[in-house]
Amino acid sequence: MLTPTQLIFKAYQSTPKPLPLPNGKTAEWPLPEMHEVPDELCWLCGGRTDHFGRLRKDAVRDSFTDARYARVVESESLCSGCGWILAQKFIRNWSLLVVDGKLEHPSRDRIREVLVQPPTTYPWLLSIAVSGQKHISFAGKVVLSPNSIWVLLEQTPVQIPPSGIGTMLEPIEDLYTAGFAKAEIQTGRYQQNRIRKAGLSWWRAKEELIAPLRGSRVFELAVFAAQKQERKGDDPCCTASILTTKTLPSRRSVSTQSTGAEIPEGSKSRQTSGASSSGRSAQQQSVQQLSLFG
């Protein structure tokens, strides 16, 4: 069975070049010099080397900070997949998607499409780069069946349901489209002026749908993938629903972390936590990687 880096390398070899990038440019990732290696298993991914690849000392620099992911620490060899991907200085800037044996650098829209409707041909793989600061693909998982779908968000594996995340994504995108920041949706701490503008009842209905999921990895993934959608003419949040401050919940948020969102100086708008009790409970979980949703 191919490991993530081996699958990516094999797909790259089968993909027409250069590869389109989301920014409109293209890229071609060169093949480093490879040769016979002594070990049967790869130091990094643990896959079979077939005694061909690169020596670890030639490919892994002292500045490499992810040695903890190495699967076979006694090996001195890298397989061709790991040897190739570690030689690419800039491939870490881009997400990686393998579908139908071809490699893509997917855009945000393409990532959303895959998460909403996962591919039904196997194997496939999705590795989502967020920071662009390090190689991440070797920490991922190859999807071999609809019963175990894992995608990689930076260095965090996230399991999604066979049907995708569309049901969860819909209320998140409704809130995002209505003007709420991703940090507010992520933490459950909302600014009251935005709730007034959207309409208290409308906001509460959306918040009650997502509050039980807040704090989970798949919720974090959904917030990351959310895109603003075209508003429908009958959407209640588009109507002029004016509520007074007195109608808003007065209790303070019990979320344990700040949203990281800035409130303009001099603003008198307070922040309001999610309305449901299950939402308040979920907000007490540790919310990680808030910087992903700025």
C-alpha atoms as a PDB file:
ATOM      1  CA  MET A   1       0.000   0.000   0.000  1.00  0.00           C
ATOM      2  CA  LEU A   2       1.286   3.447  -0.904  1.00  0.00           C
ATOM      3  CA  THR A   3       1.937   5.988   1.829  1.00  0.00           C
ATOM      4  CA  PRO A   4       0.712   9.599   1.390  1.00  0.00           C
ATOM      5  CA  THR A   5       4.009  10.903  -0.020  1.00  0.00           C
ATOM      6  CA  GLN A   6       4.340   7.906  -2.325  1.00  0.00           C
ATOM      7  CA  LEU A   7       0.789   8.372  -3.633  1.00  0.00           C
ATOM      8  CA  ILE A   8       1.426  12.081  -4.221  1.00  0.00           C
ATOM      9  CA  PHE A   9       4.674  11.399  -6.074  1.00  0.00           C
ATOM     10  CA  LYS A  10       3.104   8.689  -8.227  1.00  0.00           C
ATOM     11  CA  ALA A  11       0.199  11.019  -9.067  1.00  0.00           C
ATOM     12  CA  TYR A  12       2.593  13.840  -9.929  1.00  0.00           C
ATOM     13  CA  GLN A  13       4.413  11.589 -12.375  1.00  0.00           C
ATOM     14  CA  SER A  14       1.081  10.827 -14.097  1.00  0.00           C
ATOM     15  CA  THR A  15      -0.142  14.444 -14.212  1.00  0.00           C
ATOM     16  CA  PRO A  16       0.441  16.745 -17.221  1.00  0.00           C
ATOM     17  CA  LYS A  17       2.894  19.511 -16.413  1.00  0.00           C
ATOM     18  CA  PRO A  18       3.159  22.253 -15.458  1.00  0.00           C
ATOM     19  CA  LEU A  19       0.480  22.081 -12.763  1.00  0.00           C
ATOM     20  CA  PRO A  20      -1.962  25.000 -12.450  1.00  0.00           C
ATOM     21  CA  LEU A  21      -1.777  26.873  -9.141  1.00  0.00           C
ATOM     22  CA  PRO A  22      -4.707  28.644  -7.445  1.00  0.00           C
ATOM     23  CA  ASN A  23      -3.045  32.028  -8.030  1.00  0.00           C
ATOM     24  CA  GLY A  24      -3.189  31.579 -11.792  1.00  0.00           C
ATOM     25  CA  LYS A  25       0.450  30.613 -12.175  1.00  0.00           C
ATOM     26  CA  THR A  26       1.884  27.156 -12.825  1.00  0.00           C
ATOM     27  CA  ALA A  27       4.514  24.968 -11.211  1.00  0.00           C
ATOM     28  CA  GLU A  28       6.699  22.030 -12.099  1.00  0.00           C
ATOM     29  CA  TRP A  29       8.438  20.235  -9.267  1.00  0.00           C
ATOM     30  CA  PRO A  30      11.833  18.854 -10.372  1.00  0.00           C
ATOM     31  CA  LEU A  31      13.066  15.359  -9.700  1.00  0.00           C
ATOM     32  CA  PRO A  32      16.164  15.261  -7.454  1.00  0.00           C
ATOM     33  CA  GLU A  33      18.961  12.797  -8.067  1.00  0.00           C
ATOM     34  CA  MET A  34      18.052   9.389  -6.663  1.00  0.00           C
ATOM     35  CA  HIS A  35      20.028   6.194  -6.344  1.00  0.00           C
ATOM     36  CA  GLU A  36      20.212   2.879  -4.541  1.00  0.00           C
ATOM     37  CA  VAL A  37      19.611   3.049  -0.785  1.00  0.00           C
ATOM     38  CA  PRO A  38      20.417   0.406   1.838  1.00  0.00           C
ATOM     39  CA  ASP A  39      17.154   0.203   3.821  1.00  0.00           C
ATOM     40  CA  GLU A  40      13.941  -1.583   2.908  1.00  0.00           C
ATOM     41  CA  LEU A  41      11.746   0.947   4.721  1.00  0.00           C
ATOM     42  CA  CYS A  42      11.632   4.744   4.520  1.00  0.00           C
ATOM     43  CA  TRP A  43      12.774   6.673   7.582  1.00  0.00           C
ATOM     44  CA  LEU A  44       9.971   9.252   7.257  1.00  0.00           C
ATOM     45  CA  CYS A  45       6.815   7.584   5.907  1.00  0.00           C
ATOM     46  CA  GLY A  46       7.642   3.966   6.714  1.00  0.00           C
ATOM     47  CA  GLY A  47       6.805   2.792   3.187  1.00  0.00           C
ATOM     48  CA  ARG A  48       8.864   0.376   1.136  1.00  0.00           C
ATOM     49  CA  THR A  49      11.817   1.947  -0.627  1.00  0.00           C
ATOM     50  CA  ASP A  50      12.486  -0.890  -3.076  1.00  0.00           C
ATOM     51  CA  HIS A  51      16.066   0.116  -2.273  1.00  0.00           C
ATOM     52  CA  PHE A  52      15.742   3.260  -4.384  1.00  0.00           C
ATOM     53  CA  GLY A  53      15.481   6.853  -3.200  1.00  0.00           C
ATOM     54  CA  ARG A  54      17.774   9.194  -1.263  1.00  0.00           C
ATOM     55  CA  LEU A  55      19.904   8.939   1.829  1.00  0.00           C
ATOM     56  CA  ARG A  56      18.385  10.709   4.807  1.00  0.00           C
ATOM     57  CA  LYS A  57      21.551  12.685   5.477  1.00  0.00           C
ATOM     58  CA  ASP A  58      21.386  14.157   1.968  1.00  0.00           C
ATOM     59  CA  ALA A  59      17.743  15.215   2.136  1.00  0.00           C
ATOM     60  CA  VAL A  60      16.879  16.053   5.753  1.00  0.00           C
ATOM     61  CA  ARG A  61      18.435  19.265   7.023  1.00  0.00           C
ATOM     62  CA  ASP A  62      19.317  20.021  10.617  1.00  0.00           C
ATOM     63  CA  SER A  63      16.516  22.627  10.573  1.00  0.00           C
ATOM     64  CA  PHE A  64      13.878  19.944   9.908  1.00  0.00           C
ATOM     65  CA  THR A  65      11.538  20.178  12.898  1.00  0.00           C
ATOM     66  CA  ASP A  66       9.199  17.263  12.198  1.00  0.00           C
ATOM     67  CA  ALA A  67      11.461  14.318  12.910  1.00  0.00           C
ATOM     68  CA  ARG A  68       8.786  13.184  15.385  1.00  0.00           C
ATOM     69  CA  TYR A  69       6.763  11.970  12.397  1.00  0.00           C
ATOM     70  CA  ALA A  70       9.487   9.547  11.318  1.00  0.00           C
ATOM     71  CA  ARG A  71       8.052   6.024  11.209  1.00  0.00           C
ATOM     72  CA  VAL A  72      11.291   4.015  11.059  1.00  0.00           C
ATOM     73  CA  VAL A  73      13.870   5.876  13.121  1.00  0.00           C
ATOM     74  CA  GLU A  74      16.630   3.313  12.574  1.00  0.00           C
ATOM     75  CA  SER A  75      16.488   3.706   8.775  1.00  0.00           C
ATOM     76  CA  GLU A  76      18.997   5.871   6.944  1.00  0.00           C
ATOM     77  CA  SER A  77      16.975   5.882   3.714  1.00  0.00           C
ATOM     78  CA  LEU A  78      14.116   7.829   2.187  1.00  0.00           C
ATOM     79  CA  CYS A  79      11.750   6.373  -0.399  1.00  0.00           C
ATOM     80  CA  SER A  80      11.428   8.140  -3.743  1.00  0.00           C
ATOM     81  CA  GLY A  81       8.201   9.844  -2.623  1.00  0.00           C
ATOM     82  CA  CYS A  82       9.675  11.399   0.512  1.00  0.00           C
ATOM     83  CA  GLY A  83      12.967  12.076  -1.240  1.00  0.00           C
ATOM     84  CA  TRP A  84      11.138  13.966  -3.963  1.00  0.00           C
ATOM     85  CA  ILE A  85       8.759  15.976  -1.794  1.00  0.00           C
ATOM     86  CA  LEU A  86      11.449  17.093   0.681  1.00  0.00           C
ATOM     87  CA  ALA A  87      13.478  18.419  -2.244  1.00  0.00           C
ATOM     88  CA  GLN A  88      10.714  20.877  -3.176  1.00  0.00           C
ATOM     89  CA  LYS A  89      11.166  24.153  -1.347  1.00  0.00           C
ATOM     90  CA  PHE A  90       7.843  25.709  -2.317  1.00  0.00           C
ATOM     91  CA  ILE A  91       5.415  22.803  -2.667  1.00  0.00           C
ATOM     92  CA  ARG A  92       4.638  23.297   1.023  1.00  0.00           C
ATOM     93  CA  ASN A  93       2.880  26.549   0.105  1.00  0.00           C
ATOM     94  CA  TRP A  94       0.120  24.675  -1.667  1.00  0.00           C
ATOM     95  CA  SER A  95      -2.562  22.184  -0.743  1.00  0.00           C
ATOM     96  CA  LEU A  96      -2.343  18.770  -2.386  1.00  0.00           C
ATOM     97  CA  LEU A  97      -5.224  16.738  -3.795  1.00  0.00           C
ATOM     98  CA  VAL A  98      -4.902  13.338  -5.435  1.00  0.00           C
ATOM     99  CA  VAL A  99      -8.009  12.129  -7.274  1.00  0.00           C
ATOM    100  CA  ASP A 100      -8.177   9.537 -10.050  1.00  0.00           C
ATOM    101  CA  GLY A 101      -4.422   9.150 -10.017  1.00  0.00           C
ATOM    102  CA  LYS A 102      -3.729  12.830 -10.785  1.00  0.00           C
ATOM    103  CA  LEU A 103      -2.271  15.569  -8.575  1.00  0.00           C
ATOM    104  CA  GLU A 104      -3.930  18.959  -8.109  1.00  0.00           C
ATOM    105  CA  HIS A 105      -3.100  22.067  -6.122  1.00  0.00           C
ATOM    106  CA  PRO A 106      -6.729  22.848  -5.208  1.00  0.00           C
ATOM    107  CA  SER A 107      -8.193  26.286  -4.649  1.00  0.00           C
ATOM    108  CA  ARG A 108     -10.428  27.068  -1.656  1.00  0.00           C
ATOM    109  CA  ASP A 109     -13.472  26.443  -3.850  1.00  0.00           C
ATOM    110  CA  ARG A 110     -12.118  23.072  -4.966  1.00  0.00           C
ATOM    111  CA  ILE A 111     -11.322  22.092  -1.369  1.00  0.00           C
ATOM    112  CA  ARG A 112     -14.875  22.979  -0.364  1.00  0.00           C
ATOM    113  CA  GLU A 113     -16.236  20.911  -3.251  1.00  0.00           C
ATOM    114  CA  VAL A 114     -14.286  17.834  -2.146  1.00  0.00           C
ATOM    115  CA  LEU A 115     -15.346  18.231   1.484  1.00  0.00           C
ATOM    116  CA  VAL A 116     -19.012  18.603   0.562  1.00  0.00           C
ATOM    117  CA  GLN A 117     -18.984  15.721  -1.917  1.00  0.00           C
ATOM    118  CA  PRO A 118     -16.028  13.395  -1.266  1.00  0.00           C
ATOM    119  CA  PRO A 119     -14.612  11.486  -4.253  1.00  0.00           C
ATOM    120  CA  THR A 120     -15.951   7.987  -4.767  1.00  0.00           C
ATOM    121  CA  THR A 121     -12.889   6.583  -6.538  1.00  0.00           C
ATOM    122  CA  TYR A 122     -10.060   5.254  -4.403  1.00  0.00           C
ATOM    123  CA  PRO A 123      -7.398   5.874  -3.308  1.00  0.00           C
ATOM    124  CA  TRP A 124      -7.558   9.630  -2.885  1.00  0.00           C
ATOM    125  CA  LEU A 125      -5.946  12.172  -0.584  1.00  0.00           C
ATOM    126  CA  LEU A 126      -6.417  15.778   0.502  1.00  0.00           C
ATOM    127  CA  SER A 127      -3.723  17.700   2.355  1.00  0.00           C
ATOM    128  CA  ILE A 128      -4.725  21.309   3.167  1.00  0.00           C
ATOM    129  CA  ALA A 129      -1.855  23.753   3.634  1.00  0.00           C
ATOM    130  CA  VAL A 130      -2.697  26.681   5.911  1.00  0.00           C
ATOM    131  CA  SER A 131       0.529  28.322   7.051  1.00  0.00           C
ATOM    132  CA  GLY A 132       2.690  27.331   4.071  1.00  0.00           C
ATOM    133  CA  GLN A 133       5.637  27.128   6.454  1.00  0.00           C
ATOM    134  CA  LYS A 134       6.350  23.399   6.466  1.00  0.00           C
ATOM    135  CA  HIS A 135       5.865  20.126   4.643  1.00  0.00           C
ATOM    136  CA  ILE A 136       2.747  18.409   5.936  1.00  0.00           C
ATOM    137  CA  SER A 137       1.725  15.635   3.544  1.00  0.00           C
ATOM    138  CA  PHE A 138       3.583  12.798   5.295  1.00  0.00           C
ATOM    139  CA  ALA A 139       1.310  13.299   8.320  1.00  0.00           C
ATOM    140  CA  GLY A 140      -1.804  12.611   6.268  1.00  0.00           C
ATOM    141  CA  LYS A 141      -3.808   9.500   5.473  1.00  0.00           C
ATOM    142  CA  VAL A 142      -4.706   7.861   2.185  1.00  0.00           C
ATOM    143  CA  VAL A 143      -8.480   7.386   1.781  1.00  0.00           C
ATOM    144  CA  LEU A 144      -9.211   3.808   0.753  1.00  0.00           C
ATOM    145  CA  SER A 145     -12.962   3.546   1.395  1.00  0.00           C
ATOM    146  CA  PRO A 146     -15.986   5.713   2.262  1.00  0.00           C
ATOM    147  CA  ASN A 147     -16.021   4.236   5.761  1.00  0.00           C
ATOM    148  CA  SER A 148     -12.802   5.972   6.780  1.00  0.00           C
ATOM    149  CA  ILE A 149     -12.356   9.390   5.207  1.00  0.00           C
ATOM    150  CA  TRP A 150      -9.544  11.474   6.645  1.00  0.00           C
ATOM    151  CA  VAL A 151      -8.227  14.781   5.363  1.00  0.00           C
ATOM    152  CA  LEU A 152      -5.278  16.753   6.661  1.00  0.00           C
ATOM    153  CA  LEU A 153      -5.736  20.319   7.907  1.00  0.00           C
ATOM    154  CA  GLU A 154      -2.171  21.601   8.224  1.00  0.00           C
ATOM    155  CA  GLN A 155      -0.766  18.819  10.439  1.00  0.00           C
ATOM    156  CA  THR A 156      -4.061  17.716  11.999  1.00  0.00           C
ATOM    157  CA  PRO A 157      -5.881  14.667  10.570  1.00  0.00           C
ATOM    158  CA  VAL A 158      -9.651  15.254  10.524  1.00  0.00           C
ATOM    159  CA  GLN A 159     -12.243  12.556   9.885  1.00  0.00           C
ATOM    160  CA  ILE A 160     -15.309  13.541   7.877  1.00  0.00           C
ATOM    161  CA  PRO A 161     -18.526  11.575   7.284  1.00  0.00           C
ATOM    162  CA  PRO A 162     -18.976   9.605   4.044  1.00  0.00           C
ATOM    163  CA  SER A 163     -21.646  12.088   2.955  1.00  0.00           C
ATOM    164  CA  GLY A 164     -19.311  15.062   3.453  1.00  0.00           C
ATOM    165  CA  ILE A 165     -19.686  18.154   5.630  1.00  0.00           C
ATOM    166  CA  GLY A 166     -22.408  19.941   3.668  1.00  0.00           C
ATOM    167  CA  THR A 167     -25.022  19.726   6.430  1.00  0.00           C
ATOM    168  CA  MET A 168     -22.650  21.283   8.950  1.00  0.00           C
ATOM    169  CA  LEU A 169     -21.324  23.812   6.455  1.00  0.00           C
ATOM    170  CA  GLU A 170     -24.707  25.305   5.538  1.00  0.00           C
ATOM    171  CA  PRO A 171     -25.469  27.201   8.798  1.00  0.00           C
ATOM    172  CA  ILE A 172     -21.807  28.214   9.105  1.00  0.00           C
ATOM    173  CA  GLU A 173     -21.876  29.737   5.639  1.00  0.00           C
ATOM    174  CA  ASP A 174     -25.226  31.372   6.354  1.00  0.00           C
ATOM    175  CA  LEU A 175     -23.660  33.155   9.320  1.00  0.00           C
ATOM    176  CA  TYR A 176     -20.504  34.015   7.398  1.00  0.00           C
ATOM    177  CA  THR A 177     -22.514  35.389   4.474  1.00  0.00           C
ATOM    178  CA  ALA A 178     -24.610  37.465   6.895  1.00  0.00           C
ATOM    179  CA  GLY A 179     -21.481  39.297   8.037  1.00  0.00           C
ATOM    180  CA  PHE A 180     -20.258  37.329  11.054  1.00  0.00           C
ATOM    181  CA  ALA A 181     -16.492  36.834  11.216  1.00  0.00           C
ATOM    182  CA  LYS A 182     -15.069  33.316  11.162  1.00  0.00           C
ATOM    183  CA  ALA A 183     -13.516  33.940  14.577  1.00  0.00           C
ATOM    184  CA  GLU A 184     -16.985  34.659  15.997  1.00  0.00           C
ATOM    185  CA  ILE A 185     -18.426  31.502  14.467  1.00  0.00           C
ATOM    186  CA  GLN A 186     -15.415  29.468  15.605  1.00  0.00           C
ATOM    187  CA  THR A 187     -15.627  30.532  19.253  1.00  0.00           C
ATOM    188  CA  GLY A 188     -19.327  31.319  19.701  1.00  0.00           C
ATOM    189  CA  ARG A 189     -18.584  34.854  20.850  1.00  0.00           C
ATOM    190  CA  TYR A 190     -20.566  37.210  18.661  1.00  0.00           C
ATOM    191  CA  GLN A 191     -20.756  40.979  18.450  1.00  0.00           C
ATOM    192  CA  GLN A 192     -24.222  42.210  19.339  1.00  0.00           C
ATOM    193  CA  ASN A 193     -24.386  44.749  16.534  1.00  0.00           C
ATOM    194  CA  ARG A 194     -24.045  41.930  14.011  1.00  0.00           C
ATOM    195  CA  ILE A 195     -26.756  39.900  15.755  1.00  0.00           C
ATOM    196  CA  ARG A 196     -29.094  42.913  15.619  1.00  0.00           C
ATOM    197  CA  LYS A 197     -28.399  43.372  11.924  1.00  0.00           C
ATOM    198  CA  ALA A 198     -29.025  39.696  11.114  1.00  0.00           C
ATOM    199  CA  GLY A 199     -32.033  39.303  13.384  1.00  0.00           C
ATOM    200  CA  LEU A 200     -32.019  37.621  16.786  1.00  0.00           C
ATOM    201  CA  SER A 201     -34.351  34.732  15.903  1.00  0.00           C
ATOM    202  CA  TRP A 202     -32.525  33.997  12.660  1.00  0.00           C
ATOM    203  CA  TRP A 203     -29.114  34.060  14.364  1.00  0.00           C
ATOM    204  CA  ARG A 204     -30.308  31.890  17.249  1.00  0.00           C
ATOM    205  CA  ALA A 205     -31.665  29.227  14.872  1.00  0.00           C
ATOM    206  CA  LYS A 206     -28.303  28.999  13.081  1.00  0.00           C
ATOM    207  CA  GLU A 207     -26.288  29.041  16.287  1.00  0.00           C
ATOM    208  CA  GLU A 208     -28.302  26.222  17.838  1.00  0.00           C
ATOM    209  CA  LEU A 209     -27.435  24.018  14.847  1.00  0.00           C
ATOM    210  CA  ILE A 210     -23.672  24.459  15.180  1.00  0.00           C
ATOM    211  CA  ALA A 211     -23.183  24.945  18.934  1.00  0.00           C
ATOM    212  CA  PRO A 212     -23.039  21.189  19.767  1.00  0.00           C
ATOM    213  CA  LEU A 213     -20.237  20.758  17.202  1.00  0.00           C
ATOM    214  CA  ARG A 214     -18.082  23.656  18.342  1.00  0.00           C
ATOM    215  CA  GLY A 215     -14.636  22.605  19.497  1.00  0.00           C
ATOM    216  CA  SER A 216     -14.445  19.497  17.324  1.00  0.00           C
ATOM    217  CA  ARG A 217     -11.855  19.076  14.599  1.00  0.00           C
ATOM    218  CA  VAL A 218     -14.451  18.641  11.888  1.00  0.00           C
ATOM    219  CA  PHE A 219     -16.126  21.901  12.955  1.00  0.00           C
ATOM    220  CA  GLU A 220     -12.767  23.660  12.709  1.00  0.00           C
ATOM    221  CA  LEU A 221     -12.361  22.234   9.210  1.00  0.00           C
ATOM    222  CA  ALA A 222     -15.847  23.395   8.217  1.00  0.00           C
ATOM    223  CA  VAL A 223     -15.173  26.944   9.402  1.00  0.00           C
ATOM    224  CA  PHE A 224     -11.921  26.978   7.441  1.00  0.00           C
ATOM    225  CA  ALA A 225     -13.672  25.744   4.284  1.00  0.00           C
ATOM    226  CA  ALA A 226     -16.681  28.073   4.562  1.00  0.00           C
ATOM    227  CA  GLN A 227     -17.213  30.488   1.686  1.00  0.00           C
ATOM    228  CA  LYS A 228     -19.598  33.400   1.411  1.00  0.00           C
ATOM    229  CA  GLN A 229     -22.616  32.429  -0.671  1.00  0.00           C
ATOM    230  CA  GLU A 230     -25.051  34.466  -2.714  1.00  0.00           C
ATOM    231  CA  ARG A 231     -27.864  35.615  -0.476  1.00  0.00           C
ATOM    232  CA  LYS A 232     -31.390  34.486  -1.224  1.00  0.00           C
ATOM    233  CA  GLY A 233     -34.054  37.133  -1.574  1.00  0.00           C
ATOM    234  CA  ASP A 234     -36.248  35.549   1.117  1.00  0.00           C
ATOM    235  CA  ASP A 235     -33.412  35.094   3.603  1.00  0.00           C
ATOM    236  CA  PRO A 236     -34.603  36.586   6.929  1.00  0.00           C
ATOM    237  CA  CYS A 237     -31.167  38.024   7.585  1.00  0.00           C
ATOM    238  CA  CYS A 238     -31.569  40.254   4.553  1.00  0.00           C
ATOM    239  CA  THR A 239     -34.677  41.953   5.938  1.00  0.00           C
ATOM    240  CA  ALA A 240     -34.594  45.076   8.029  1.00  0.00           C
ATOM    241  CA  SER A 241     -35.052  43.346  11.350  1.00  0.00           C
ATOM    242  CA  ILE A 242     -34.214  45.905  14.000  1.00  0.00           C
ATOM    243  CA  LEU A 243     -33.855  44.685  17.563  1.00  0.00           C
ATOM    244  CA  THR A 244     -33.062  46.715  20.622  1.00  0.00           C
ATOM    245  CA  THR A 245     -30.099  45.888  22.787  1.00  0.00           C
ATOM    246  CA  LYS A 246     -32.459  44.850  25.599  1.00  0.00           C
ATOM    247  CA  THR A 247     -33.716  41.891  23.563  1.00  0.00           C
ATOM    248  CA  LEU A 248     -30.269  40.350  23.310  1.00  0.00           C
ATOM    249  CA  PRO A 249     -28.980  37.768  25.807  1.00  0.00           C
ATOM    250  CA  SER A 250     -27.387  39.565  28.742  1.00  0.00           C
ATOM    251  CA  ARG A 251     -25.281  36.667  30.042  1.00  0.00           C
ATOM    252  CA  ARG A 252     -21.563  36.845  29.366  1.00  0.00           C
ATOM    253  CA  SER A 253     -19.793  34.298  27.192  1.00  0.00           C
ATOM    254  CA  VAL A 254     -18.306  31.309  28.939  1.00  0.00           C
ATOM    255  CA  SER A 255     -15.919  30.627  26.077  1.00  0.00           C
ATOM    256  CA  THR A 256     -12.434  30.086  27.461  1.00  0.00           C
ATOM    257  CA  GLN A 257     -10.595  31.843  24.653  1.00  0.00           C
ATOM    258  CA  SER A 258     -10.742  35.182  22.918  1.00  0.00           C
ATOM    259  CA  THR A 259     -11.826  35.344  19.296  1.00  0.00           C
ATOM    260  CA  GLY A 260      -8.735  37.265  18.329  1.00  0.00           C
ATOM    261  CA  ALA A 261     -11.027  39.608  16.385  1.00  0.00           C
ATOM    262  CA  GLU A 262     -10.546  43.320  16.915  1.00  0.00           C
ATOM    263  CA  ILE A 263     -13.367  45.636  17.901  1.00  0.00           C
ATOM    264  CA  PRO A 264     -12.974  49.157  16.529  1.00  0.00           C
ATOM    265  CA  GLU A 265     -11.802  51.615  19.141  1.00  0.00           C
ATOM    266  CA  GLY A 266     -14.687  53.400  20.762  1.00  0.00           C
ATOM    267  CA  SER A 267     -17.223  50.744  19.779  1.00  0.00           C
ATOM    268  CA  LYS A 268     -19.852  50.055  22.414  1.00  0.00           C
ATOM    269  CA  SER A 269     -20.832  46.675  20.930  1.00  0.00           C
ATOM    270  CA  ARG A 270     -20.413  43.816  23.356  1.00  0.00           C
ATOM    271  CA  GLN A 271     -19.886  40.202  22.358  1.00  0.00           C
ATOM    272  CA  THR A 272     -22.535  37.562  22.962  1.00  0.00           C
ATOM    273  CA  SER A 273     -22.013  33.857  23.366  1.00  0.00           C
ATOM    274  CA  GLY A 274     -24.055  31.139  21.630  1.00  0.00           C
ATOM    275  CA  ALA A 275     -27.581  30.878  22.914  1.00  0.00           C
ATOM    276  CA  SER A 276     -28.115  27.176  23.601  1.00  0.00           C
ATOM    277  CA  SER A 277     -26.895  25.368  26.703  1.00  0.00           C
ATOM    278  CA  SER A 278     -25.203  22.739  24.553  1.00  0.00           C
ATOM    279  CA  GLY A 279     -23.435  25.558  22.761  1.00  0.00           C
ATOM    280  CA  ARG A 280     -22.166  26.982  26.049  1.00  0.00           C
ATOM    281  CA  SER A 281     -20.859  23.586  27.064  1.00  0.00           C
ATOM    282  CA  ALA A 282     -19.085  23.086  23.757  1.00  0.00           C
ATOM    283  CA  GLN A 283     -17.485  26.511  24.008  1.00  0.00           C
ATOM    284  CA  GLN A 284     -15.626  25.376  27.112  1.00  0.00           C
ATOM    285  CA  GLN A 285     -13.547  23.003  25.011  1.00  0.00           C
ATOM    286  CA  SER A 286     -10.131  24.140  23.931  1.00  0.00           C
ATOM    287  CA  VAL A 287     -10.310  25.872  20.561  1.00  0.00           C
ATOM    288  CA  GLN A 288      -7.032  25.375  18.690  1.00  0.00           C
ATOM    289  CA  GLN A 289      -5.428  27.102  15.703  1.00  0.00           C
ATOM    290  CA  LEU A 290      -7.536  30.251  15.826  1.00  0.00           C
ATOM    291  CA  SER A 291      -4.935  31.887  13.606  1.00  0.00           C
ATOM    292  CA  LEU A 292      -6.255  29.756  10.739  1.00  0.00           C
ATOM    293  CA  PHE A 293      -9.521  31.673  10.687  1.00  0.00           C
ATOM    294  CA  GLY A 294      -8.425  35.281  10.916  1.00  0.00           C
END
